[in-house]
Amino acid sequence: MTQDELAVMDGGKCIFMLRGVRPFLSEKYDLTKHPNYRYTADADPKNVFDMERYMKKQRAVVKPTDSFEVYEIDVTE
């Protein structure tokens, strides 16, 4: 395809590149037809993963048997 052909390529098509196969023109997959689409944030905003909220719920658990190495760094230069 030339650059001009790429510029006016139909929005419902894509160039599919798969390892070991030459690139080819393909129809885009409609994600709304996937069986698990209902679990995505696009289908329902309550499915959005909030990293900050997740990290606040996670507690750092230090066991008495855990060992640590302490390093002293001299930063006076």
C-alpha atoms as a PDB file:
ATOM      1  CA  MET A   1       0.000   0.000   0.000  1.00  0.00           C
ATOM      2  CA  THR A   2       1.154   3.505  -0.689  1.00  0.00           C
ATOM      3  CA  GLN A   3       1.048   6.318   1.863  1.00  0.00           C
ATOM      4  CA  ASP A   4      -1.954   7.779   0.034  1.00  0.00           C
ATOM      5  CA  GLU A   5      -3.836   4.487   0.301  1.00  0.00           C
ATOM      6  CA  LEU A   6      -3.058   4.273   4.013  1.00  0.00           C
ATOM      7  CA  ALA A   7      -4.298   7.825   4.569  1.00  0.00           C
ATOM      8  CA  VAL A   8      -7.728   7.027   3.112  1.00  0.00           C
ATOM      9  CA  MET A   9      -8.017   3.448   4.404  1.00  0.00           C
ATOM     10  CA  ASP A  10     -11.480   2.474   5.615  1.00  0.00           C
ATOM     11  CA  GLY A  11     -11.870   2.834   9.410  1.00  0.00           C
ATOM     12  CA  GLY A  12     -13.315  -0.671   9.641  1.00  0.00           C
ATOM     13  CA  LYS A  13     -10.128  -2.234   8.292  1.00  0.00           C
ATOM     14  CA  CYS A  14      -6.661  -2.694   9.739  1.00  0.00           C
ATOM     15  CA  ILE A  15      -3.266  -3.985   8.701  1.00  0.00           C
ATOM     16  CA  PHE A  16      -2.694  -7.137  10.713  1.00  0.00           C
ATOM     17  CA  MET A  17       0.913  -8.049  11.499  1.00  0.00           C
ATOM     18  CA  LEU A  18       1.526 -11.507  12.907  1.00  0.00           C
ATOM     19  CA  ARG A  19       4.962 -12.998  13.504  1.00  0.00           C
ATOM     20  CA  GLY A  20       5.963 -15.322  10.689  1.00  0.00           C
ATOM     21  CA  VAL A  21       3.245 -14.064   8.322  1.00  0.00           C
ATOM     22  CA  ARG A  22       3.354 -11.190   5.872  1.00  0.00           C
ATOM     23  CA  PRO A  23       1.142  -8.210   6.928  1.00  0.00           C
ATOM     24  CA  PHE A  24      -2.358  -8.385   5.483  1.00  0.00           C
ATOM     25  CA  LEU A  25      -5.512  -6.283   5.361  1.00  0.00           C
ATOM     26  CA  SER A  26      -8.232  -7.455   7.743  1.00  0.00           C
ATOM     27  CA  GLU A  27     -11.599  -6.396   9.127  1.00  0.00           C
ATOM     28  CA  LYS A  28     -11.439  -4.914  12.634  1.00  0.00           C
ATOM     29  CA  TYR A  29     -12.951  -7.066  15.381  1.00  0.00           C
ATOM     30  CA  ASP A  30     -16.008  -5.582  17.091  1.00  0.00           C
ATOM     31  CA  LEU A  31     -15.117  -5.776  20.796  1.00  0.00           C
ATOM     32  CA  THR A  32     -18.756  -5.439  21.830  1.00  0.00           C
ATOM     33  CA  LYS A  33     -19.370  -8.898  20.353  1.00  0.00           C
ATOM     34  CA  HIS A  34     -16.777 -10.582  22.614  1.00  0.00           C
ATOM     35  CA  PRO A  35     -18.353 -12.851  25.274  1.00  0.00           C
ATOM     36  CA  ASN A  36     -16.426 -11.114  28.099  1.00  0.00           C
ATOM     37  CA  TYR A  37     -17.103  -7.560  26.923  1.00  0.00           C
ATOM     38  CA  ARG A  38     -19.488  -7.031  29.846  1.00  0.00           C
ATOM     39  CA  TYR A  39     -16.501  -7.200  32.225  1.00  0.00           C
ATOM     40  CA  THR A  40     -14.704  -4.243  30.617  1.00  0.00           C
ATOM     41  CA  ALA A  41     -14.815  -0.624  31.726  1.00  0.00           C
ATOM     42  CA  ASP A  42     -16.218   0.315  28.320  1.00  0.00           C
ATOM     43  CA  ALA A  43     -19.316  -1.776  28.996  1.00  0.00           C
ATOM     44  CA  ASP A  44     -19.799  -0.658  32.605  1.00  0.00           C
ATOM     45  CA  PRO A  45     -17.887   2.161  34.363  1.00  0.00           C
ATOM     46  CA  LYS A  46     -18.005   0.250  37.671  1.00  0.00           C
ATOM     47  CA  ASN A  47     -15.459  -2.161  36.145  1.00  0.00           C
ATOM     48  CA  VAL A  48     -12.730   0.496  36.034  1.00  0.00           C
ATOM     49  CA  PHE A  49      -9.617  -0.619  37.923  1.00  0.00           C
ATOM     50  CA  ASP A  50      -8.516   2.082  40.370  1.00  0.00           C
ATOM     51  CA  MET A  51      -4.847   1.491  41.166  1.00  0.00           C
ATOM     52  CA  GLU A  52      -4.727   4.041  44.003  1.00  0.00           C
ATOM     53  CA  ARG A  53      -7.703   2.459  45.769  1.00  0.00           C
ATOM     54  CA  TYR A  54      -6.190  -0.999  45.313  1.00  0.00           C
ATOM     55  CA  MET A  55      -2.831   0.078  46.750  1.00  0.00           C
ATOM     56  CA  LYS A  56      -4.503   1.695  49.779  1.00  0.00           C
ATOM     57  CA  LYS A  57      -6.215  -1.613  50.583  1.00  0.00           C
ATOM     58  CA  GLN A  58      -2.961  -3.568  50.350  1.00  0.00           C
ATOM     59  CA  ARG A  59      -0.970  -3.651  53.540  1.00  0.00           C
ATOM     60  CA  ALA A  60       2.744  -4.299  53.659  1.00  0.00           C
ATOM     61  CA  VAL A  61       3.099  -7.391  55.796  1.00  0.00           C
ATOM     62  CA  VAL A  62       6.458  -7.844  57.470  1.00  0.00           C
ATOM     63  CA  LYS A  63       6.916 -11.148  59.255  1.00  0.00           C
ATOM     64  CA  PRO A  64       9.234 -11.555  62.242  1.00  0.00           C
ATOM     65  CA  THR A  65      11.240 -14.068  60.224  1.00  0.00           C
ATOM     66  CA  ASP A  66      11.884 -11.658  57.320  1.00  0.00           C
ATOM     67  CA  SER A  67      15.486 -10.541  56.997  1.00  0.00           C
ATOM     68  CA  PHE A  68      16.747  -7.263  55.592  1.00  0.00           C
ATOM     69  CA  GLU A  69      20.072  -5.853  54.513  1.00  0.00           C
ATOM     70  CA  VAL A  70      20.828  -2.305  55.618  1.00  0.00           C
ATOM     71  CA  TYR A  71      23.172  -0.173  53.529  1.00  0.00           C
ATOM     72  CA  GLU A  72      24.760   3.096  54.561  1.00  0.00           C
ATOM     73  CA  ILE A  73      25.408   5.545  51.754  1.00  0.00           C
ATOM     74  CA  ASP A  74      27.794   8.467  52.008  1.00  0.00           C
ATOM     75  CA  VAL A  75      26.359  11.343  49.974  1.00  0.00           C
ATOM     76  CA  THR A  76      28.784  14.057  51.061  1.00  0.00           C
ATOM     77  CA  GLU A  77      30.706  14.995  47.947  1.00  0.00           C
END
